[in-house]
PDB file of N, CA and C in Angstrom:
ATOM      1  N   UNK A   1     -30.142 206.922 -94.885  1.00  0.00           N
ATOM      2  CA  UNK A   1     -28.800 207.358 -95.211  1.00  0.00           C
ATOM      3  C   UNK A   1     -27.909 206.116 -95.359  1.00  0.00           C
ATOM      4  N   UNK A   2     -27.102 206.061 -96.413  1.00  0.00           N
ATOM      5  CA  UNK A   2     -26.225 204.928 -96.682  1.00  0.00           C
ATOM      6  C   UNK A   2     -25.018 204.945 -95.752  1.00  0.00           C
ATOM      7  N   UNK A   3     -24.561 203.746 -95.385  1.00  0.00           N
ATOM      8  CA  UNK A   3     -23.376 203.634 -94.537  1.00  0.00           C
ATOM      9  C   UNK A   3     -22.127 203.976 -95.342  1.00  0.00           C
ATOM     10  N   UNK A   4     -21.196 204.660 -94.694  1.00  0.00           N
ATOM     11  CA  UNK A   4     -19.934 205.023 -95.340  1.00  0.00           C
ATOM     12  C   UNK A   4     -19.023 203.790 -95.371  1.00  0.00           C
ATOM     13  N   UNK A   5     -18.479 203.445 -96.555  1.00  0.00           N
ATOM     14  CA  UNK A   5     -17.589 202.284 -96.623  1.00  0.00           C
ATOM     15  C   UNK A   5     -16.309 202.537 -95.822  1.00  0.00           C
ATOM     16  N   UNK A   6     -15.823 201.489 -95.193  1.00  0.00           N
ATOM     17  CA  UNK A   6     -14.580 201.617 -94.434  1.00  0.00           C
ATOM     18  C   UNK A   6     -13.817 200.298 -94.504  1.00  0.00           C
ATOM     19  N   UNK A   7     -12.553 200.351 -94.170  1.00  0.00           N
ATOM     20  CA  UNK A   7     -11.721 199.153 -94.179  1.00  0.00           C
ATOM     21  C   UNK A   7     -11.718 198.537 -92.784  1.00  0.00           C
ATOM     22  N   UNK A   8     -11.401 197.242 -92.672  1.00  0.00           N
ATOM     23  CA  UNK A   8     -11.392 196.597 -91.365  1.00  0.00           C
ATOM     24  C   UNK A   8     -10.388 197.245 -90.406  1.00  0.00           C
ATOM     25  N   UNK A   9     -10.733 197.246 -89.126  1.00  0.00           N
ATOM     26  CA  UNK A   9      -9.858 197.799 -88.096  1.00  0.00           C
ATOM     27  C   UNK A   9      -8.510 197.081 -88.130  1.00  0.00           C
ATOM     28  N   UNK A  10      -7.431 197.836 -88.021  1.00  0.00           N
ATOM     29  CA  UNK A  10      -6.094 197.261 -88.031  1.00  0.00           C
ATOM     30  C   UNK A  10      -5.492 197.125 -89.417  1.00  0.00           C
ATOM     31  N   UNK A  11      -6.213 197.569 -90.458  1.00  0.00           N
ATOM     32  CA  UNK A  11      -5.683 197.534 -91.821  1.00  0.00           C
ATOM     33  C   UNK A  11      -5.543 198.957 -92.333  1.00  0.00           C
ATOM     34  N   UNK A  12      -4.882 199.107 -93.461  1.00  0.00           N
ATOM     35  CA  UNK A  12      -4.714 200.437 -94.037  1.00  0.00           C
ATOM     36  C   UNK A  12      -4.589 200.345 -95.544  1.00  0.00           C
ATOM     37  N   UNK A  13      -4.765 201.469 -96.209  1.00  0.00           N
ATOM     38  CA  UNK A  13      -4.557 201.571 -97.649  1.00  0.00           C
ATOM     39  C   UNK A  13      -3.141 202.080 -97.889  1.00  0.00           C
ATOM     40  N   UNK A  14      -2.555 201.681 -99.022  1.00  0.00           N
ATOM     41  CA  UNK A  14      -1.227 202.147 -99.412  1.00  0.00           C
ATOM     42  C   UNK A  14      -1.343 202.958-100.694  1.00  0.00           C
ATOM     43  N   UNK A  15      -0.659 204.086-100.745  1.00  0.00           N
ATOM     44  CA  UNK A  15      -0.651 204.934-101.940  1.00  0.00           C
ATOM     45  C   UNK A  15       0.188 204.264-103.030  1.00  0.00           C
ATOM     46  N   UNK A  16       0.069 204.714-104.282  1.00  0.00           N
ATOM     47  CA  UNK A  16       0.897 204.155-105.353  1.00  0.00           C
ATOM     48  C   UNK A  16       2.399 204.273-105.070  1.00  0.00           C
ATOM     49  N   UNK A  17       2.828 205.375-104.482  1.00  0.00           N
ATOM     50  CA  UNK A  17       4.256 205.549-104.160  1.00  0.00           C
ATOM     51  C   UNK A  17       4.679 204.536-103.094  1.00  0.00           C
ATOM     52  N   UNK A  18       3.852 204.374-102.066  1.00  0.00           N
ATOM     53  CA  UNK A  18       4.163 203.395-101.021  1.00  0.00           C
ATOM     54  C   UNK A  18       4.192 201.981-101.590  1.00  0.00           C
ATOM     55  N   UNK A  19       3.277 201.670-102.494  1.00  0.00           N
ATOM     56  CA  UNK A  19       3.238 200.338-103.095  1.00  0.00           C
ATOM     57  C   UNK A  19       4.469 200.070-103.953  1.00  0.00           C
ATOM     58  N   UNK A  20       4.949 201.072-104.660  1.00  0.00           N
ATOM     59  CA  UNK A  20       6.160 200.897-105.466  1.00  0.00           C
ATOM     60  C   UNK A  20       7.343 200.543-104.566  1.00  0.00           C
ATOM     61  N   UNK A  21       7.460 201.230-103.437  1.00  0.00           N
ATOM     62  CA  UNK A  21       8.546 200.945-102.489  1.00  0.00           C
ATOM     63  C   UNK A  21       8.388 199.547-101.889  1.00  0.00           C
ATOM     64  N   UNK A  22       7.170 199.220-101.478  1.00  0.00           N
ATOM     65  CA  UNK A  22       6.912 197.897-100.890  1.00  0.00           C
ATOM     66  C   UNK A  22       7.187 196.784-101.898  1.00  0.00           C
ATOM     67  N   UNK A  23       6.740 196.964-103.136  1.00  0.00           N
ATOM     68  CA  UNK A  23       6.965 195.944-104.160  1.00  0.00           C
ATOM     69  C   UNK A  23       8.447 195.741-104.428  1.00  0.00           C
ATOM     70  N   UNK A  24       9.224 196.818-104.450  1.00  0.00           N
ATOM     71  CA  UNK A  24      10.669 196.703-104.650  1.00  0.00           C
ATOM     72  C   UNK A  24      11.290 195.861-103.535  1.00  0.00           C
ATOM     73  N   UNK A  25      10.914 196.155-102.298  1.00  0.00           N
ATOM     74  CA  UNK A  25      11.462 195.415-101.155  1.00  0.00           C
ATOM     75  C   UNK A  25      11.039 193.949-101.207  1.00  0.00           C
ATOM     76  N   UNK A  26       9.746 193.692-101.420  1.00  0.00           N
ATOM     77  CA  UNK A  26       9.270 192.313-101.471  1.00  0.00           C
ATOM     78  C   UNK A  26       9.875 191.547-102.646  1.00  0.00           C
ATOM     79  N   UNK A  27      10.037 192.191-103.788  1.00  0.00           N
ATOM     80  CA  UNK A  27      10.660 191.534-104.942  1.00  0.00           C
ATOM     81  C   UNK A  27      12.102 191.157-104.636  1.00  0.00           C
ATOM     82  N   UNK A  28      12.836 192.042-103.958  1.00  0.00           N
ATOM     83  CA  UNK A  28      14.225 191.768-103.587  1.00  0.00           C
ATOM     84  C   UNK A  28      14.298 190.580-102.633  1.00  0.00           C
ATOM     85  N   UNK A  29      13.453 190.587-101.613  1.00  0.00           N
ATOM     86  CA  UNK A  29      13.426 189.477-100.657  1.00  0.00           C
ATOM     87  C   UNK A  29      13.053 188.179-101.364  1.00  0.00           C
ATOM     88  N   UNK A  30      12.048 188.220-102.225  1.00  0.00           N
ATOM     89  CA  UNK A  30      11.602 187.033-102.965  1.00  0.00           C
ATOM     90  C   UNK A  30      12.737 186.478-103.824  1.00  0.00           C
ATOM     91  N   UNK A  31      13.496 187.353-104.487  1.00  0.00           N
ATOM     92  CA  UNK A  31      14.614 186.914-105.331  1.00  0.00           C
ATOM     93  C   UNK A  31      15.694 186.211-104.508  1.00  0.00           C
ATOM     94  N   UNK A  32      16.019 186.764-103.338  1.00  0.00           N
ATOM     95  CA  UNK A  32      17.037 186.152-102.473  1.00  0.00           C
ATOM     96  C   UNK A  32      16.553 184.790-101.977  1.00  0.00           C
ATOM     97  N   UNK A  33      15.314 184.710-101.538  1.00  0.00           N
ATOM     98  CA  UNK A  33      14.773 183.429-101.079  1.00  0.00           C
ATOM     99  C   UNK A  33      14.821 182.398-102.202  1.00  0.00           C
ATOM    100  N   UNK A  34      14.469 182.818-103.415  1.00  0.00           N
ATOM    101  CA  UNK A  34      14.480 181.905-104.559  1.00  0.00           C
ATOM    102  C   UNK A  34      15.893 181.373-104.811  1.00  0.00           C
ATOM    103  N   UNK A  35      16.904 182.212-104.643  1.00  0.00           N
ATOM    104  CA  UNK A  35      18.295 181.783-104.826  1.00  0.00           C
ATOM    105  C   UNK A  35      18.666 180.640-103.886  1.00  0.00           C
ATOM    106  N   UNK A  36      18.055 180.601-102.720  1.00  0.00           N
ATOM    107  CA  UNK A  36      18.351 179.576-101.727  1.00  0.00           C
ATOM    108  C   UNK A  36      17.343 178.427-101.732  1.00  0.00           C
ATOM    109  N   UNK A  37      16.523 178.365-102.772  1.00  0.00           N
ATOM    110  CA  UNK A  37      15.643 177.226-102.966  1.00  0.00           C
ATOM    111  C   UNK A  37      14.288 177.291-102.280  1.00  0.00           C
ATOM    112  N   UNK A  38      13.972 178.408-101.660  1.00  0.00           N
ATOM    113  CA  UNK A  38      12.667 178.523-101.015  1.00  0.00           C
ATOM    114  C   UNK A  38      11.574 178.713-102.059  1.00  0.00           C
ATOM    115  N   UNK A  39      10.386 178.210-101.752  1.00  0.00           N
ATOM    116  CA  UNK A  39       9.235 178.380-102.624  1.00  0.00           C
ATOM    117  C   UNK A  39       8.166 179.177-101.894  1.00  0.00           C
ATOM    118  N   UNK A  40       7.438 179.966-102.624  1.00  0.00           N
ATOM    119  CA  UNK A  40       6.429 180.844-102.039  1.00  0.00           C
ATOM    120  C   UNK A  40       5.131 180.095-101.769  1.00  0.00           C
ATOM    121  N   UNK A  41       4.512 180.405-100.630  1.00  0.00           N
ATOM    122  CA  UNK A  41       3.162 179.944-100.334  1.00  0.00           C
ATOM    123  C   UNK A  41       2.325 181.180-100.021  1.00  0.00           C
ATOM    124  N   UNK A  42       1.023 181.023-100.030  1.00  0.00           N
ATOM    125  CA  UNK A  42       0.146 182.134 -99.659  1.00  0.00           C
ATOM    126  C   UNK A  42      -0.935 181.600 -98.736  1.00  0.00           C
ATOM    127  N   UNK A  43      -1.124 182.288 -97.627  1.00  0.00           N
ATOM    128  CA  UNK A  43      -2.128 181.894 -96.639  1.00  0.00           C
ATOM    129  C   UNK A  43      -3.194 182.976 -96.552  1.00  0.00           C
ATOM    130  N   UNK A  44      -4.347 182.680 -95.983  1.00  0.00           N
ATOM    131  CA  UNK A  44      -5.398 183.693 -95.863  1.00  0.00           C
ATOM    132  C   UNK A  44      -4.912 184.908 -95.073  1.00  0.00           C
ATOM    133  N   UNK A  45      -5.326 186.076 -95.483  1.00  0.00           N
ATOM    134  CA  UNK A  45      -4.908 187.286 -94.775  1.00  0.00           C
ATOM    135  C   UNK A  45      -5.784 187.567 -93.563  1.00  0.00           C
ATOM    136  N   UNK A  46      -6.931 186.903 -93.476  1.00  0.00           N
ATOM    137  CA  UNK A  46      -7.817 187.050 -92.315  1.00  0.00           C
ATOM    138  C   UNK A  46      -8.334 185.675 -91.932  1.00  0.00           C
ATOM    139  N   UNK A  47      -8.572 185.478 -90.643  1.00  0.00           N
ATOM    140  CA  UNK A  47      -9.080 184.211 -90.144  1.00  0.00           C
ATOM    141  C   UNK A  47     -10.301 184.454 -89.279  1.00  0.00           C
ATOM    142  N   UNK A  48     -11.093 183.410 -89.105  1.00  0.00           N
ATOM    143  CA  UNK A  48     -12.244 183.469 -88.218  1.00  0.00           C
ATOM    144  C   UNK A  48     -11.752 183.587 -86.778  1.00  0.00           C
ATOM    145  N   UNK A  49     -12.472 184.272 -85.932  1.00  0.00           N
ATOM    146  CA  UNK A  49     -12.094 184.406 -84.527  1.00  0.00           C
ATOM    147  C   UNK A  49     -12.048 183.060 -83.816  1.00  0.00           C
ATOM    148  N   UNK A  50     -12.820 182.102 -84.275  1.00  0.00           N
ATOM    149  CA  UNK A  50     -12.892 180.805 -83.608  1.00  0.00           C
ATOM    150  C   UNK A  50     -11.683 179.917 -83.872  1.00  0.00           C
ATOM    151  N   UNK A  51     -10.757 180.312 -84.732  1.00  0.00           N
ATOM    152  CA  UNK A  51      -9.589 179.470 -85.029  1.00  0.00           C
ATOM    153  C   UNK A  51      -8.387 179.915 -84.258  1.00  0.00           C
TER     154      UNK A  51
END
């Protein structure tokens, strides 16, 4: 019997409606930060337990 796929513990899926709301909020925050000269960086969303 094949294993059922699942997401990592402590994470969740977002519906299209939830993503639209989240994107609006993040876009607004990003625009304000940009006005004040901040630049975006991106870091890994998961790390090894040993770090």
